[in-house]
N, C-alpha and C. Protein backbone atom coordinates (compact mmCIF):
# COMPACT_ATOMS: atom_id res chain seq x y z
N MET A 1 0.64 -1.25 0.05
CA MET A 1 -0.05 -0.05 0.01
C MET A 1 0.91 1.31 -0.16
N ARG A 2 0.64 2.10 -1.01
CA ARG A 2 1.29 3.25 -1.32
C ARG A 2 0.66 4.49 -0.10
N ARG A 3 1.48 5.50 0.17
CA ARG A 3 0.83 6.41 0.78
C ARG A 3 -0.19 7.27 -0.16
N GLU A 4 0.24 7.41 -1.24
CA GLU A 4 -0.65 8.16 -2.00
C GLU A 4 -2.11 7.48 -2.24
N ASP A 5 -2.04 6.21 -1.87
CA ASP A 5 -3.64 5.40 -2.13
C ASP A 5 -4.64 5.81 -1.07
N LEU A 6 -3.91 6.32 0.23
CA LEU A 6 -4.75 6.83 1.14
C LEU A 6 -5.61 8.00 0.82
N PHE A 7 -5.27 8.81 -0.15
CA PHE A 7 -5.79 10.00 -0.36
C PHE A 7 -6.38 10.12 -1.86
N VAL A 8 -6.70 8.93 -2.48
CA VAL A 8 -7.07 8.88 -3.70
C VAL A 8 -8.76 9.18 -3.76
N PRO A 9 -9.48 8.82 -2.74
CA PRO A 9 -10.89 9.54 -2.89
C PRO A 9 -11.01 10.86 -2.72
N SER A 10 -10.11 11.62 -2.26
CA SER A 10 -10.37 12.99 -2.03
C SER A 10 -9.71 13.60 -3.59
N LEU A 11 -8.57 12.87 -4.09
CA LEU A 11 -8.22 13.44 -5.10
C LEU A 11 -8.98 13.34 -6.47
N GLN A 12 -9.91 12.31 -6.29
CA GLN A 12 -10.59 12.16 -7.32
C GLN A 12 -12.12 12.73 -7.15
N GLY A 13 -11.99 13.74 -6.33
CA GLY A 13 -13.34 14.52 -6.38
C GLY A 13 -14.27 13.99 -5.60
N HIS A 14 -14.00 13.36 -4.41
CA HIS A 14 -14.98 12.66 -3.83
C HIS A 14 -15.57 13.72 -2.89
N SER A 15 -16.91 13.73 -2.92
CA SER A 15 -17.55 14.80 -2.29
C SER A 15 -18.62 14.01 -1.41
N GLY A 16 -18.76 12.91 -1.39
CA GLY A 16 -19.52 12.08 -0.32
C GLY A 16 -19.50 12.47 1.14
N ASP A 17 -20.44 11.97 2.05
CA ASP A 17 -20.04 12.23 3.61
C ASP A 17 -19.28 10.88 4.03
N LEU A 18 -18.98 10.94 5.20
CA LEU A 18 -17.98 9.82 5.78
C LEU A 18 -18.99 8.70 5.99
N PRO A 19 -18.25 7.49 5.71
CA PRO A 19 -19.32 6.20 5.78
C PRO A 19 -19.13 5.91 7.26
N TYR A 20 -20.36 5.17 7.81
CA TYR A 20 -20.52 4.60 8.97
C TYR A 20 -19.03 3.78 9.25
N SER A 21 -18.87 3.49 10.44
CA SER A 21 -17.70 2.81 10.64
C SER A 21 -17.56 1.47 10.45
N LYS A 22 -16.54 0.87 10.34
CA LYS A 22 -16.67 -0.44 9.82
C LYS A 22 -17.27 -1.39 11.13
N LEU A 23 -16.99 -1.05 12.16
CA LEU A 23 -17.57 -1.78 13.56
C LEU A 23 -19.10 -1.54 13.28
N ALA A 24 -19.53 -0.50 13.23
CA ALA A 24 -21.00 -0.19 13.07
C ALA A 24 -21.75 -1.25 11.88
N SER A 25 -20.85 -1.34 10.77
CA SER A 25 -21.49 -2.01 9.83
C SER A 25 -21.24 -3.52 10.21
N PHE A 26 -20.05 -4.09 10.85
CA PHE A 26 -20.18 -5.39 11.37
C PHE A 26 -21.26 -5.88 12.35
N MET A 27 -21.36 -5.04 13.04
CA MET A 27 -22.43 -5.26 14.15
C MET A 27 -23.84 -5.32 13.64
N VAL A 28 -24.29 -4.39 12.79
CA VAL A 28 -25.38 -4.53 12.04
C VAL A 28 -25.40 -5.77 11.16
N ALA A 29 -24.52 -6.38 10.46
CA ALA A 29 -24.35 -7.52 9.97
C ALA A 29 -24.66 -8.85 11.07
N PHE A 30 -23.89 -8.64 12.25
CA PHE A 30 -23.85 -9.65 12.90
C PHE A 30 -25.21 -9.95 13.70
N PHE A 31 -25.96 -8.72 13.99
CA PHE A 31 -27.05 -8.93 14.74
C PHE A 31 -28.25 -9.09 13.86
N GLY A 32 -28.23 -8.34 12.49
CA GLY A 32 -29.17 -8.09 11.67
C GLY A 32 -29.19 -9.45 10.76
N GLY A 33 -28.20 -9.85 10.34
CA GLY A 33 -28.22 -10.93 9.42
C GLY A 33 -27.77 -10.61 7.80
N PRO A 34 -27.86 -11.43 6.93
CA PRO A 34 -27.29 -11.07 5.66
C PRO A 34 -28.02 -9.83 5.02
N PHE A 35 -29.28 -9.84 5.20
CA PHE A 35 -29.99 -9.00 4.53
C PHE A 35 -29.79 -7.42 5.05
N ALA A 36 -29.53 -7.55 6.55
CA ALA A 36 -29.12 -6.21 6.98
C ALA A 36 -27.71 -5.76 6.60
N ALA A 37 -26.72 -6.84 6.44
CA ALA A 37 -25.46 -6.41 5.88
C ALA A 37 -25.39 -5.80 4.58
N ILE A 38 -26.52 -5.99 3.58
CA ILE A 38 -26.66 -5.94 2.39
C ILE A 38 -27.25 -4.45 2.41
N GLY A 39 -28.47 -4.26 3.43
CA GLY A 39 -29.13 -3.02 3.49
C GLY A 39 -27.99 -1.78 4.00
N PHE A 40 -27.21 -2.20 4.97
CA PHE A 40 -26.02 -1.28 5.51
C PHE A 40 -25.07 -1.00 4.42
N ALA A 41 -24.70 -1.99 3.69
CA ALA A 41 -23.84 -1.52 2.67
C ALA A 41 -24.39 -0.54 1.74
N PHE A 42 -25.41 -0.95 1.43
CA PHE A 42 -26.22 0.04 0.39
C PHE A 42 -26.15 1.57 0.98
N LEU A 43 -26.53 1.62 2.29
CA LEU A 43 -26.54 2.84 2.84
C LEU A 43 -25.35 3.56 3.00
N ASN A 44 -24.20 2.88 3.27
CA ASN A 44 -22.80 3.41 3.42
C ASN A 44 -22.52 3.82 1.63
N GLY A 45 -22.86 2.92 0.89
CA GLY A 45 -22.45 3.43 -0.35
C GLY A 45 -23.19 4.76 -1.00
N ASN A 46 -24.24 4.83 -0.40
CA ASN A 46 -24.89 6.09 -0.88
C ASN A 46 -24.47 7.27 -0.13
N ARG A 47 -24.08 6.87 1.12
CA ARG A 47 -23.26 8.13 1.97
C ARG A 47 -22.02 8.66 1.26
N THR A 48 -21.28 7.68 0.87
CA THR A 48 -19.89 7.96 0.36
C THR A 48 -20.22 8.09 -1.20
N GLY A 49 -21.15 7.70 -2.01
CA GLY A 49 -21.10 8.02 -3.49
C GLY A 49 -20.35 6.96 -4.11
N ASN A 50 -20.44 5.56 -3.48
CA ASN A 50 -19.65 4.47 -3.98
C ASN A 50 -20.41 3.24 -3.70
N VAL A 51 -21.79 3.06 -4.41
CA VAL A 51 -22.48 2.12 -4.45
C VAL A 51 -22.03 1.07 -5.23
N ASP A 52 -21.69 -0.13 -4.87
CA ASP A 52 -21.15 -1.10 -5.84
C ASP A 52 -22.13 -1.92 -6.45
N LYS A 53 -22.58 -1.46 -7.78
CA LYS A 53 -23.55 -2.08 -8.56
C LYS A 53 -23.38 -3.46 -8.80
N ASN A 54 -22.03 -3.94 -8.72
CA ASN A 54 -21.89 -5.30 -9.03
C ASN A 54 -22.07 -6.38 -7.99
N ARG A 55 -21.63 -5.83 -6.72
CA ARG A 55 -21.43 -6.82 -5.56
C ARG A 55 -22.88 -6.76 -4.98
N LEU A 56 -23.48 -5.71 -4.84
CA LEU A 56 -24.83 -5.88 -4.02
C LEU A 56 -25.81 -6.92 -4.83
N PRO A 57 -25.97 -6.82 -5.99
CA PRO A 57 -27.02 -7.62 -6.56
C PRO A 57 -26.57 -9.10 -6.24
N VAL A 58 -25.23 -9.29 -6.52
CA VAL A 58 -24.64 -10.64 -6.31
C VAL A 58 -25.04 -11.14 -5.04
N ALA A 59 -24.60 -10.22 -3.89
CA ALA A 59 -24.71 -10.67 -2.67
C ALA A 59 -26.12 -10.91 -2.26
N LEU A 60 -27.22 -10.26 -2.83
CA LEU A 60 -28.58 -10.23 -2.68
C LEU A 60 -29.16 -11.71 -3.24
N VAL A 61 -28.63 -12.15 -4.45
CA VAL A 61 -28.91 -13.33 -5.00
C VAL A 61 -28.32 -14.30 -4.23
N LEU A 62 -26.97 -14.28 -3.80
CA LEU A 62 -26.36 -15.50 -2.94
C LEU A 62 -27.17 -15.46 -1.69
N THR A 63 -27.63 -14.64 -1.01
CA THR A 63 -28.34 -14.49 0.41
C THR A 63 -29.87 -15.12 0.18
N VAL A 64 -30.57 -14.83 -0.78
CA VAL A 64 -31.80 -15.52 -1.27
C VAL A 64 -31.41 -16.98 -1.34
N ALA A 65 -30.58 -17.25 -2.11
CA ALA A 65 -30.30 -18.80 -2.52
C ALA A 65 -29.72 -19.53 -1.05
N TYR A 66 -29.04 -18.94 -0.24
CA TYR A 66 -28.54 -19.62 0.96
C TYR A 66 -30.11 -19.78 1.82
N PHE A 67 -31.18 -18.93 1.83
CA PHE A 67 -32.27 -19.06 2.49
C PHE A 67 -33.02 -20.10 1.94
N ALA A 68 -33.06 -20.06 0.41
CA ALA A 68 -33.83 -21.31 -0.21
C ALA A 68 -33.26 -22.49 0.06
N GLY A 69 -32.07 -22.51 0.08
CA GLY A 69 -31.05 -23.85 0.40
C GLY A 69 -31.63 -24.60 1.88
N LEU A 70 -31.46 -23.25 2.66
CA LEU A 70 -31.71 -24.11 4.00
C LEU A 70 -33.29 -23.99 4.30
N THR A 71 -34.05 -23.35 3.81
CA THR A 71 -35.53 -23.74 4.00
C THR A 71 -35.61 -25.21 3.10
N TRP A 72 -35.50 -25.49 2.09
CA TRP A 72 -35.62 -26.60 1.35
C TRP A 72 -34.99 -27.80 2.36
N ALA A 73 -33.59 -27.75 2.55
CA ALA A 73 -33.05 -28.77 3.54
C ALA A 73 -33.75 -29.00 5.03
N LEU A 74 -34.32 -27.83 5.57
CA LEU A 74 -35.06 -28.10 6.68
C LEU A 74 -36.33 -28.76 6.36
N SER A 75 -37.01 -28.48 5.56
CA SER A 75 -38.52 -28.76 5.00
C SER A 75 -38.33 -30.21 4.52
N THR A 76 -37.61 -30.62 3.96
CA THR A 76 -37.23 -31.95 3.46
C THR A 76 -36.54 -32.82 4.41
N GLU A 77 -36.41 -32.28 5.70
CA GLU A 77 -35.42 -33.03 6.58
C GLU A 77 -34.05 -33.59 6.11
N VAL A 78 -33.47 -33.08 5.11
CA VAL A 78 -32.14 -33.45 4.57
C VAL A 78 -31.31 -32.98 5.87
N LEU A 79 -31.39 -31.95 6.40
CA LEU A 79 -30.86 -31.41 7.60
C LEU A 79 -31.74 -31.44 8.80
N THR A 80 -31.25 -31.59 10.04
CA THR A 80 -31.93 -31.51 11.34
C THR A 80 -30.84 -30.46 12.03
N LEU A 81 -31.28 -29.42 11.90
CA LEU A 81 -30.67 -28.34 12.75
C LEU A 81 -31.44 -27.73 13.85
N ASP A 82 -30.86 -27.44 14.92
CA ASP A 82 -31.75 -26.76 16.03
C ASP A 82 -31.53 -25.15 15.67
N ARG A 83 -32.36 -24.32 16.27
CA ARG A 83 -32.34 -23.15 16.10
C ARG A 83 -31.02 -22.38 16.46
N GLN A 84 -30.23 -22.65 17.15
CA GLN A 84 -29.24 -22.07 17.40
C GLN A 84 -28.01 -22.47 16.55
N MET A 85 -27.96 -23.45 15.73
CA MET A 85 -27.05 -23.79 14.74
C MET A 85 -27.69 -23.10 13.37
N VAL A 86 -28.94 -22.92 13.20
CA VAL A 86 -29.40 -21.99 12.15
C VAL A 86 -28.96 -20.43 12.39
N ARG A 87 -29.01 -20.11 13.72
CA ARG A 87 -28.85 -18.85 13.78
C ARG A 87 -27.11 -18.61 13.78
N LEU A 88 -26.49 -19.74 14.28
CA LEU A 88 -25.15 -19.63 13.78
C LEU A 88 -24.59 -19.63 12.31
N LEU A 89 -25.30 -20.45 11.50
CA LEU A 89 -25.00 -20.31 10.29
C LEU A 89 -25.27 -19.05 9.58
N SER A 90 -26.76 -18.42 9.91
CA SER A 90 -26.91 -17.12 9.41
C SER A 90 -25.83 -16.28 9.71
N ARG A 91 -25.40 -16.18 10.78
CA ARG A 91 -24.20 -15.11 11.13
C ARG A 91 -23.15 -15.41 10.37
N VAL A 92 -22.73 -16.63 10.25
CA VAL A 92 -21.60 -16.63 9.38
C VAL A 92 -21.66 -16.38 8.03
N VAL A 93 -22.98 -16.53 7.45
CA VAL A 93 -23.22 -15.99 6.26
C VAL A 93 -23.19 -14.40 6.25
N ALA A 94 -23.84 -13.90 7.03
CA ALA A 94 -23.78 -12.15 7.44
C ALA A 94 -22.67 -11.75 7.40
N VAL A 95 -21.65 -12.47 8.12
CA VAL A 95 -20.33 -11.68 8.12
C VAL A 95 -19.61 -12.09 7.01
N ALA A 96 -19.88 -13.27 6.32
CA ALA A 96 -19.06 -13.06 5.16
C ALA A 96 -19.67 -12.18 4.02
N VAL A 97 -20.93 -12.09 3.85
CA VAL A 97 -21.43 -10.93 3.06
C VAL A 97 -21.03 -9.42 3.48
N TRP A 98 -20.84 -9.20 4.65
CA TRP A 98 -20.31 -8.19 5.08
C TRP A 98 -18.95 -7.73 4.61
N ALA A 99 -18.02 -8.85 4.68
CA ALA A 99 -16.79 -8.65 4.54
C ALA A 99 -16.59 -8.55 3.12
N TRP A 100 -17.36 -9.27 1.91
CA TRP A 100 -17.29 -9.16 0.63
C TRP A 100 -17.46 -7.53 0.29
N LEU A 101 -18.85 -7.00 1.03
CA LEU A 101 -19.35 -5.82 0.54
C LEU A 101 -18.43 -4.83 1.11
N THR A 102 -17.59 -4.90 2.30
CA THR A 102 -16.74 -4.15 2.71
C THR A 102 -15.33 -3.82 1.87
N MET A 103 -15.11 -4.84 1.37
CA MET A 103 -13.82 -4.75 0.57
C MET A 103 -13.58 -3.61 -0.40
N PRO A 104 -14.54 -3.18 -1.25
CA PRO A 104 -14.52 -2.13 -2.13
C PRO A 104 -14.34 -0.55 -1.57
N LEU A 105 -14.62 -0.31 -0.29
CA LEU A 105 -14.67 0.73 0.53
C LEU A 105 -13.38 0.90 1.46
N ARG A 106 -12.34 0.06 1.26
CA ARG A 106 -11.17 -0.12 2.05
C ARG A 106 -10.43 1.45 1.88
N ARG A 107 -10.37 1.93 0.63
CA ARG A 107 -9.62 3.41 0.63
C ARG A 107 -10.41 4.44 1.32
N ILE A 108 -11.83 4.06 1.25
CA ILE A 108 -12.64 5.24 1.71
C ILE A 108 -12.53 5.22 3.41
N TYR A 109 -12.35 3.92 3.78
CA TYR A 109 -12.36 3.86 5.26
C TYR A 109 -10.94 4.47 5.83
N ARG A 110 -9.91 4.18 4.88
CA ARG A 110 -8.70 4.75 5.40
C ARG A 110 -8.68 6.24 5.33
N ALA A 111 -9.06 6.70 4.01
CA ALA A 111 -9.17 8.03 4.11
C ALA A 111 -10.19 8.88 5.24
N ALA A 112 -11.14 8.04 5.59
CA ALA A 112 -12.04 8.67 6.64
C ALA A 112 -11.21 8.70 8.15
N GLU A 113 -10.42 7.64 8.34
CA GLU A 113 -9.43 7.67 9.48
C GLU A 113 -8.77 8.78 9.73
N LEU A 114 -8.17 9.19 8.41
CA LEU A 114 -7.36 10.56 8.38
C LEU A 114 -8.25 11.65 8.67
N SER A 115 -9.54 11.56 8.34
CA SER A 115 -10.15 12.84 8.27
C SER A 115 -10.26 13.48 9.80
N PRO A 116 -10.31 14.60 9.94
CA PRO A 116 -10.56 15.38 11.34
C PRO A 116 -11.92 15.23 11.56
N GLU A 117 -12.82 14.90 10.75
CA GLU A 117 -14.23 14.70 10.99
C GLU A 117 -14.64 13.65 11.97
N ASP A 118 -15.59 13.68 12.80
CA ASP A 118 -16.18 12.49 13.54
C ASP A 118 -16.76 11.64 12.67
N TRP A 119 -16.83 10.29 12.76
CA TRP A 119 -17.62 9.21 12.03
C TRP A 119 -19.35 9.77 12.52
N PRO A 120 -19.97 9.43 11.41
CA PRO A 120 -21.44 9.65 11.72
C PRO A 120 -22.02 8.74 12.71
N SER A 121 -22.94 9.01 13.45
CA SER A 121 -23.54 8.17 14.33
C SER A 121 -24.55 6.96 13.72
N PRO A 122 -24.31 5.84 13.88
CA PRO A 122 -24.75 4.75 13.24
C PRO A 122 -26.15 4.26 13.75
N TRP A 123 -26.41 4.76 14.88
CA TRP A 123 -27.67 4.11 15.75
C TRP A 123 -28.88 3.97 14.76
N LYS A 124 -29.48 5.16 14.51
CA LYS A 124 -30.90 5.30 13.70
C LYS A 124 -30.59 4.42 12.38
N ALA A 125 -29.73 4.49 11.68
CA ALA A 125 -29.46 3.59 10.47
C ALA A 125 -29.32 2.50 10.69
N GLY A 126 -28.58 2.11 11.68
CA GLY A 126 -28.41 0.50 12.13
C GLY A 126 -29.66 0.03 12.51
N ILE A 127 -30.30 0.47 13.60
CA ILE A 127 -31.59 -0.36 13.84
C ILE A 127 -32.76 -0.25 13.00
N LEU A 128 -32.83 0.86 12.26
CA LEU A 128 -33.81 0.77 11.25
C LEU A 128 -33.42 -0.27 10.11
N THR A 129 -32.21 -0.32 9.75
CA THR A 129 -31.75 -1.30 8.78
C THR A 129 -32.08 -2.96 9.27
N ILE A 130 -31.49 -3.28 10.60
CA ILE A 130 -31.81 -4.42 11.07
C ILE A 130 -33.49 -4.84 11.42
N ILE A 131 -34.24 -3.69 11.54
CA ILE A 131 -35.51 -3.93 11.58
C ILE A 131 -36.23 -4.28 10.19
N GLY A 132 -35.85 -3.64 9.15
CA GLY A 132 -36.14 -3.77 8.05
C GLY A 132 -35.63 -4.98 7.33
N ALA A 133 -34.45 -5.41 7.65
CA ALA A 133 -33.97 -6.60 7.38
C ALA A 133 -34.63 -7.69 7.93
N ALA A 134 -35.05 -7.69 9.00
CA ALA A 134 -36.06 -9.02 9.77
C ALA A 134 -37.16 -9.14 9.00
N VAL A 135 -37.88 -7.96 8.92
CA VAL A 135 -39.17 -8.14 7.75
C VAL A 135 -38.88 -8.74 6.44
N VAL A 136 -38.15 -8.31 5.83
CA VAL A 136 -37.61 -8.80 4.61
C VAL A 136 -37.20 -10.26 4.74
N GLN A 137 -36.40 -10.69 5.70
CA GLN A 137 -36.19 -11.98 5.86
C GLN A 137 -37.45 -12.93 6.32
N ALA A 138 -38.07 -12.26 6.98
CA ALA A 138 -39.49 -13.13 7.51
C ALA A 138 -40.18 -13.54 6.05
N PHE A 139 -40.32 -12.43 5.26
CA PHE A 139 -41.09 -12.46 4.06
C PHE A 139 -40.48 -13.60 3.22
N VAL A 140 -39.36 -13.72 2.95
CA VAL A 140 -38.66 -14.29 1.97
C VAL A 140 -38.76 -15.82 2.64
N VAL A 141 -38.47 -16.11 3.98
CA VAL A 141 -38.79 -17.51 4.66
C VAL A 141 -40.29 -17.70 4.49
N VAL A 142 -41.25 -16.83 4.43
CA VAL A 142 -42.55 -17.45 4.42
C VAL A 142 -42.75 -17.79 2.98
N VAL A 143 -42.27 -16.99 2.10
CA VAL A 143 -42.53 -17.41 0.54
C VAL A 143 -41.86 -18.61 0.15
N LEU A 144 -40.44 -18.91 0.70
CA LEU A 144 -39.93 -20.14 0.44
C LEU A 144 -40.37 -21.47 1.06
N ARG A 145 -41.26 -21.11 2.30
CA ARG A 145 -41.64 -22.34 2.87
C ARG A 145 -42.92 -22.67 2.34
N ALA A 146 -43.68 -21.59 1.75
CA ALA A 146 -44.65 -22.06 0.80
C ALA A 146 -44.45 -22.61 -0.47
N GLY A 147 -43.30 -21.98 -1.12
CA GLY A 147 -42.89 -22.65 -2.19
C GLY A 147 -42.56 -24.13 -2.29
N PHE A 148 -41.98 -24.50 -0.89
CA PHE A 148 -41.43 -26.05 -0.84
C PHE A 148 -42.32 -26.88 0.15
N GLY A 149 -43.58 -26.13 0.23
CA GLY A 149 -44.68 -26.92 0.78
C GLY A 149 -44.58 -27.24 2.32
N GLY A 150 -44.00 -26.59 2.96
CA GLY A 150 -43.50 -26.49 4.36
C GLY A 150 -44.42 -25.84 5.19
């Protein structure tokens, strides 16, 4: 990593706001699940002006595929997992989605760490994202259960 790379966003006319911190986005992903990770990454991308139009749809498709596979496996009793194991598996998927969606923002995070400005408060956005993701996840699971006859 060259020192010049730290200042690339400001040299390219970056006029977006500071992103929410990496810790905030990790916590939203960990407690809210994969849909929350996707939603918060979208919010961060909008704040910074760097929405990754390639990674977000892929993450969304993979998350729906994960829930479809999990719902199918549980409804056909291919897998017998208790609730704690399903929760753990969902958190692992959420953290993987978070890591994949956070990678493109590395330079912006580094530039933000050098900025004299304070990080924005993530509370409102994080809580609303988690609530919204819970609704989306419940809807997806209900639709998938109905589709698999469970």
